[in-house]
Amino acid sequence: MSEATGKQPKWYTLTSEAVSKELQVDPAQGLSEAEAAKRLGQYGPNSLTETKEEPTWRAFLRQYKDYMRIVLLAAAIGSVIIGDYTTALILFLLTVGSAYAGLYQERKAADSVAALRKMMNIQARVRRDGQILEIPLEELVPGDVAL
């Protein structure tokens, strides 16, 4: 962030020299370990924030945004109104079973993505103190000279 204006510059419009000056880094040397640690403390790790997990009951209700489930539920309500309780029960059980299957499938997919994310160990090559290092991607900070 520019100290003078307090605004973020449009990085894509700047030359590499202007970016280096703005981030106060010498491209030939990179950041010092002390400066990198300071910036890591200031900006936090280079990672996406974890989203709060949706409660199961809300995820289950969200399954009813599907038009087919809404139509089946409306048909079940219509069956109750005309007194055909057997059909109403069957339609209701179909919608609940379908919603449960959708919820189960979503949770399995989310668990698979979480397992893959846990296995990934992405490294970044940077120049710090004039040395080329490989660091975990989460430790990349503004001003690091990535190679």
C-alpha atoms as a PDB file:
ATOM      1  CA  MET A   1       0.000   0.000   0.000  1.00  0.00           C
ATOM      2  CA  SER A   2       1.318   3.373  -0.898  1.00  0.00           C
ATOM      3  CA  GLU A   3       2.309   5.270   2.233  1.00  0.00           C
ATOM      4  CA  ALA A   4       1.504   8.648   0.660  1.00  0.00           C
ATOM      5  CA  THR A   5      -2.022   7.927  -0.565  1.00  0.00           C
ATOM      6  CA  GLY A   6      -3.083   4.974   1.601  1.00  0.00           C
ATOM      7  CA  LYS A   7      -4.380   3.177  -1.532  1.00  0.00           C
ATOM      8  CA  GLN A   8      -3.288  -0.039  -3.199  1.00  0.00           C
ATOM      9  CA  PRO A   9      -1.586   0.682  -6.524  1.00  0.00           C
ATOM     10  CA  LYS A  10      -2.768  -1.081  -9.672  1.00  0.00           C
ATOM     11  CA  TRP A  11       0.150  -3.516  -9.660  1.00  0.00           C
ATOM     12  CA  TYR A  12      -0.395  -4.660 -13.244  1.00  0.00           C
ATOM     13  CA  THR A  13       0.185  -1.109 -14.505  1.00  0.00           C
ATOM     14  CA  LEU A  14       3.568  -0.699 -12.798  1.00  0.00           C
ATOM     15  CA  THR A  15       7.009  -1.590 -14.093  1.00  0.00           C
ATOM     16  CA  SER A  16       9.054  -4.122 -12.148  1.00  0.00           C
ATOM     17  CA  GLU A  17      11.250  -1.283 -10.879  1.00  0.00           C
ATOM     18  CA  ALA A  18       8.215   0.626  -9.606  1.00  0.00           C
ATOM     19  CA  VAL A  19       6.877  -2.501  -7.882  1.00  0.00           C
ATOM     20  CA  SER A  20      10.267  -3.105  -6.241  1.00  0.00           C
ATOM     21  CA  LYS A  21      10.370   0.482  -5.026  1.00  0.00           C
ATOM     22  CA  GLU A  22       6.783   0.372  -3.749  1.00  0.00           C
ATOM     23  CA  LEU A  23       7.424  -2.888  -1.860  1.00  0.00           C
ATOM     24  CA  GLN A  24      10.843  -1.703  -0.691  1.00  0.00           C
ATOM     25  CA  VAL A  25      12.770  -4.705  -1.979  1.00  0.00           C
ATOM     26  CA  ASP A  26      15.978  -5.111  -3.983  1.00  0.00           C
ATOM     27  CA  PRO A  27      15.237  -7.725  -6.699  1.00  0.00           C
ATOM     28  CA  ALA A  28      18.880  -8.869  -6.722  1.00  0.00           C
ATOM     29  CA  GLN A  29      18.867  -9.595  -2.974  1.00  0.00           C
ATOM     30  CA  GLY A  30      15.206 -10.222  -2.182  1.00  0.00           C
ATOM     31  CA  LEU A  31      13.850  -9.679   1.287  1.00  0.00           C
ATOM     32  CA  SER A  32      15.913 -10.401   4.360  1.00  0.00           C
ATOM     33  CA  GLU A  33      14.683 -13.243   6.558  1.00  0.00           C
ATOM     34  CA  ALA A  34      13.921 -10.702   9.293  1.00  0.00           C
ATOM     35  CA  GLU A  35      11.866  -8.528   6.923  1.00  0.00           C
ATOM     36  CA  ALA A  36      10.039 -11.598   5.566  1.00  0.00           C
ATOM     37  CA  ALA A  37       9.192 -12.681   9.127  1.00  0.00           C
ATOM     38  CA  LYS A  38       7.993  -9.158   9.928  1.00  0.00           C
ATOM     39  CA  ARG A  39       5.762  -9.094   6.835  1.00  0.00           C
ATOM     40  CA  LEU A  40       4.439 -12.568   7.581  1.00  0.00           C
ATOM     41  CA  GLY A  41       3.384 -11.275  10.990  1.00  0.00           C
ATOM     42  CA  GLN A  42       1.921  -8.131   9.445  1.00  0.00           C
ATOM     43  CA  TYR A  43      -0.006  -9.709   6.552  1.00  0.00           C
ATOM     44  CA  GLY A  44      -0.499 -13.258   7.820  1.00  0.00           C
ATOM     45  CA  PRO A  45       0.019 -16.484   5.884  1.00  0.00           C
ATOM     46  CA  ASN A  46      -0.511 -16.610   2.124  1.00  0.00           C
ATOM     47  CA  SER A  47      -3.566 -18.843   2.202  1.00  0.00           C
ATOM     48  CA  LEU A  48      -7.272 -18.687   1.657  1.00  0.00           C
ATOM     49  CA  THR A  49      -9.320 -18.245   4.777  1.00  0.00           C
ATOM     50  CA  GLU A  50     -11.177 -21.345   5.779  1.00  0.00           C
ATOM     51  CA  THR A  51     -14.912 -20.988   5.427  1.00  0.00           C
ATOM     52  CA  LYS A  52     -17.111 -21.898   8.331  1.00  0.00           C
ATOM     53  CA  GLU A  53     -18.738 -25.265   7.725  1.00  0.00           C
ATOM     54  CA  GLU A  54     -22.437 -25.074   6.975  1.00  0.00           C
ATOM     55  CA  PRO A  55     -24.639 -26.808   9.583  1.00  0.00           C
ATOM     56  CA  THR A  56     -26.046 -30.135   8.395  1.00  0.00           C
ATOM     57  CA  TRP A  57     -29.664 -29.048   8.785  1.00  0.00           C
ATOM     58  CA  ARG A  58     -29.068 -25.988   6.591  1.00  0.00           C
ATOM     59  CA  ALA A  59     -27.243 -28.059   3.959  1.00  0.00           C
ATOM     60  CA  PHE A  60     -30.176 -30.497   3.992  1.00  0.00           C
ATOM     61  CA  LEU A  61     -32.718 -27.694   3.487  1.00  0.00           C
ATOM     62  CA  ARG A  62     -30.568 -26.239   0.702  1.00  0.00           C
ATOM     63  CA  GLN A  63     -31.161 -29.471  -1.224  1.00  0.00           C
ATOM     64  CA  TYR A  64     -34.751 -28.303  -1.676  1.00  0.00           C
ATOM     65  CA  LYS A  65     -33.639 -25.523  -4.042  1.00  0.00           C
ATOM     66  CA  ASP A  66     -33.720 -28.203  -6.731  1.00  0.00           C
ATOM     67  CA  TYR A  67     -36.875 -27.822  -8.842  1.00  0.00           C
ATOM     68  CA  MET A  68     -37.537 -31.556  -9.070  1.00  0.00           C
ATOM     69  CA  ARG A  69     -37.638 -31.855  -5.288  1.00  0.00           C
ATOM     70  CA  ILE A  70     -39.954 -28.836  -5.101  1.00  0.00           C
ATOM     71  CA  VAL A  71     -42.291 -30.400  -7.681  1.00  0.00           C
ATOM     72  CA  LEU A  72     -42.336 -33.712  -5.786  1.00  0.00           C
ATOM     73  CA  LEU A  73     -43.011 -31.897  -2.514  1.00  0.00           C
ATOM     74  CA  ALA A  74     -45.845 -29.914  -4.139  1.00  0.00           C
ATOM     75  CA  ALA A  75     -47.279 -33.163  -5.504  1.00  0.00           C
ATOM     76  CA  ALA A  76     -47.090 -34.684  -2.016  1.00  0.00           C
ATOM     77  CA  ILE A  77     -48.939 -31.682  -0.561  1.00  0.00           C
ATOM     78  CA  GLY A  78     -51.510 -31.943  -3.356  1.00  0.00           C
ATOM     79  CA  SER A  79     -51.967 -35.632  -2.568  1.00  0.00           C
ATOM     80  CA  VAL A  80     -52.617 -34.810   1.095  1.00  0.00           C
ATOM     81  CA  ILE A  81     -55.190 -32.188   0.066  1.00  0.00           C
ATOM     82  CA  ILE A  82     -57.120 -34.669  -2.075  1.00  0.00           C
ATOM     83  CA  GLY A  83     -56.820 -37.374   0.579  1.00  0.00           C
ATOM     84  CA  ASP A  84     -54.398 -39.746  -1.191  1.00  0.00           C
ATOM     85  CA  TYR A  85     -52.143 -40.313   1.809  1.00  0.00           C
ATOM     86  CA  THR A  86     -50.270 -43.296   0.382  1.00  0.00           C
ATOM     87  CA  THR A  87     -49.078 -41.329  -2.639  1.00  0.00           C
ATOM     88  CA  ALA A  88     -48.283 -38.348  -0.403  1.00  0.00           C
ATOM     89  CA  LEU A  89     -46.133 -40.519   1.871  1.00  0.00           C
ATOM     90  CA  ILE A  90     -44.290 -42.078  -1.073  1.00  0.00           C
ATOM     91  CA  LEU A  91     -43.614 -38.676  -2.660  1.00  0.00           C
ATOM     92  CA  PHE A  92     -42.494 -37.210   0.659  1.00  0.00           C
ATOM     93  CA  LEU A  93     -40.118 -40.124   1.281  1.00  0.00           C
ATOM     94  CA  LEU A  94     -38.758 -39.735  -2.264  1.00  0.00           C
ATOM     95  CA  THR A  95     -37.945 -36.058  -1.670  1.00  0.00           C
ATOM     96  CA  VAL A  96     -36.333 -36.742   1.708  1.00  0.00           C
ATOM     97  CA  GLY A  97     -34.319 -39.655   0.296  1.00  0.00           C
ATOM     98  CA  SER A  98     -33.234 -37.604  -2.695  1.00  0.00           C
ATOM     99  CA  ALA A  99     -32.220 -34.668  -0.477  1.00  0.00           C
ATOM    100  CA  TYR A 100     -30.285 -37.004   1.817  1.00  0.00           C
ATOM    101  CA  ALA A 101     -28.484 -38.570  -1.166  1.00  0.00           C
ATOM    102  CA  GLY A 102     -27.552 -35.110  -2.457  1.00  0.00           C
ATOM    103  CA  LEU A 103     -26.296 -34.076   0.969  1.00  0.00           C
ATOM    104  CA  TYR A 104     -24.269 -37.280   1.325  1.00  0.00           C
ATOM    105  CA  GLN A 105     -22.717 -36.782  -2.112  1.00  0.00           C
ATOM    106  CA  GLU A 106     -21.788 -33.155  -1.315  1.00  0.00           C
ATOM    107  CA  ARG A 107     -20.179 -34.146   1.982  1.00  0.00           C
ATOM    108  CA  LYS A 108     -18.148 -36.927   0.361  1.00  0.00           C
ATOM    109  CA  ALA A 109     -16.907 -34.495  -2.301  1.00  0.00           C
ATOM    110  CA  ALA A 110     -16.007 -31.893   0.345  1.00  0.00           C
ATOM    111  CA  ASP A 111     -14.136 -34.533   2.355  1.00  0.00           C
ATOM    112  CA  SER A 112     -12.202 -35.579  -0.765  1.00  0.00           C
ATOM    113  CA  VAL A 113     -11.215 -31.986  -1.504  1.00  0.00           C
ATOM    114  CA  ALA A 114     -10.130 -31.508   2.119  1.00  0.00           C
ATOM    115  CA  ALA A 115      -7.998 -34.669   1.958  1.00  0.00           C
ATOM    116  CA  LEU A 116      -6.361 -33.519  -1.288  1.00  0.00           C
ATOM    117  CA  ARG A 117      -5.692 -30.069   0.162  1.00  0.00           C
ATOM    118  CA  LYS A 118      -4.090 -31.691   3.209  1.00  0.00           C
ATOM    119  CA  MET A 119      -1.777 -33.803   1.012  1.00  0.00           C
ATOM    120  CA  MET A 120      -0.640 -30.866  -1.108  1.00  0.00           C
ATOM    121  CA  ASN A 121       2.679 -29.352  -0.155  1.00  0.00           C
ATOM    122  CA  ILE A 122       3.220 -26.500  -2.583  1.00  0.00           C
ATOM    123  CA  GLN A 123       6.619 -24.832  -2.466  1.00  0.00           C
ATOM    124  CA  ALA A 124       7.608 -21.431  -3.833  1.00  0.00           C
ATOM    125  CA  ARG A 125      11.106 -20.541  -5.051  1.00  0.00           C
ATOM    126  CA  VAL A 126      12.116 -17.106  -3.774  1.00  0.00           C
ATOM    127  CA  ARG A 127      15.208 -14.993  -3.397  1.00  0.00           C
ATOM    128  CA  ARG A 128      15.914 -13.973   0.197  1.00  0.00           C
ATOM    129  CA  ASP A 129      19.162 -12.500   1.466  1.00  0.00           C
ATOM    130  CA  GLY A 130      20.592 -13.087  -2.031  1.00  0.00           C
ATOM    131  CA  GLN A 131      19.975 -16.854  -1.742  1.00  0.00           C
ATOM    132  CA  ILE A 132      17.473 -18.920  -3.721  1.00  0.00           C
ATOM    133  CA  LEU A 133      15.234 -20.785  -1.298  1.00  0.00           C
ATOM    134  CA  GLU A 134      12.212 -23.051  -1.496  1.00  0.00           C
ATOM    135  CA  ILE A 135       9.618 -22.104   1.087  1.00  0.00           C
ATOM    136  CA  PRO A 136       6.068 -23.300   1.781  1.00  0.00           C
ATOM    137  CA  LEU A 137       3.595 -21.257  -0.248  1.00  0.00           C
ATOM    138  CA  GLU A 138       1.939 -20.057   2.968  1.00  0.00           C
ATOM    139  CA  GLU A 139       5.161 -18.220   3.904  1.00  0.00           C
ATOM    140  CA  LEU A 140       5.206 -16.130   0.708  1.00  0.00           C
ATOM    141  CA  VAL A 141       4.824 -12.440   1.613  1.00  0.00           C
ATOM    142  CA  PRO A 142       4.382  -9.158  -0.283  1.00  0.00           C
ATOM    143  CA  GLY A 143       7.804  -8.161  -1.583  1.00  0.00           C
ATOM    144  CA  ASP A 144       9.184 -11.679  -1.990  1.00  0.00           C
ATOM    145  CA  VAL A 145      11.061 -12.063  -5.266  1.00  0.00           C
ATOM    146  CA  ALA A 146       9.472 -15.206  -6.694  1.00  0.00           C
ATOM    147  CA  LEU A 147      11.505 -17.174  -9.242  1.00  0.00           C
END
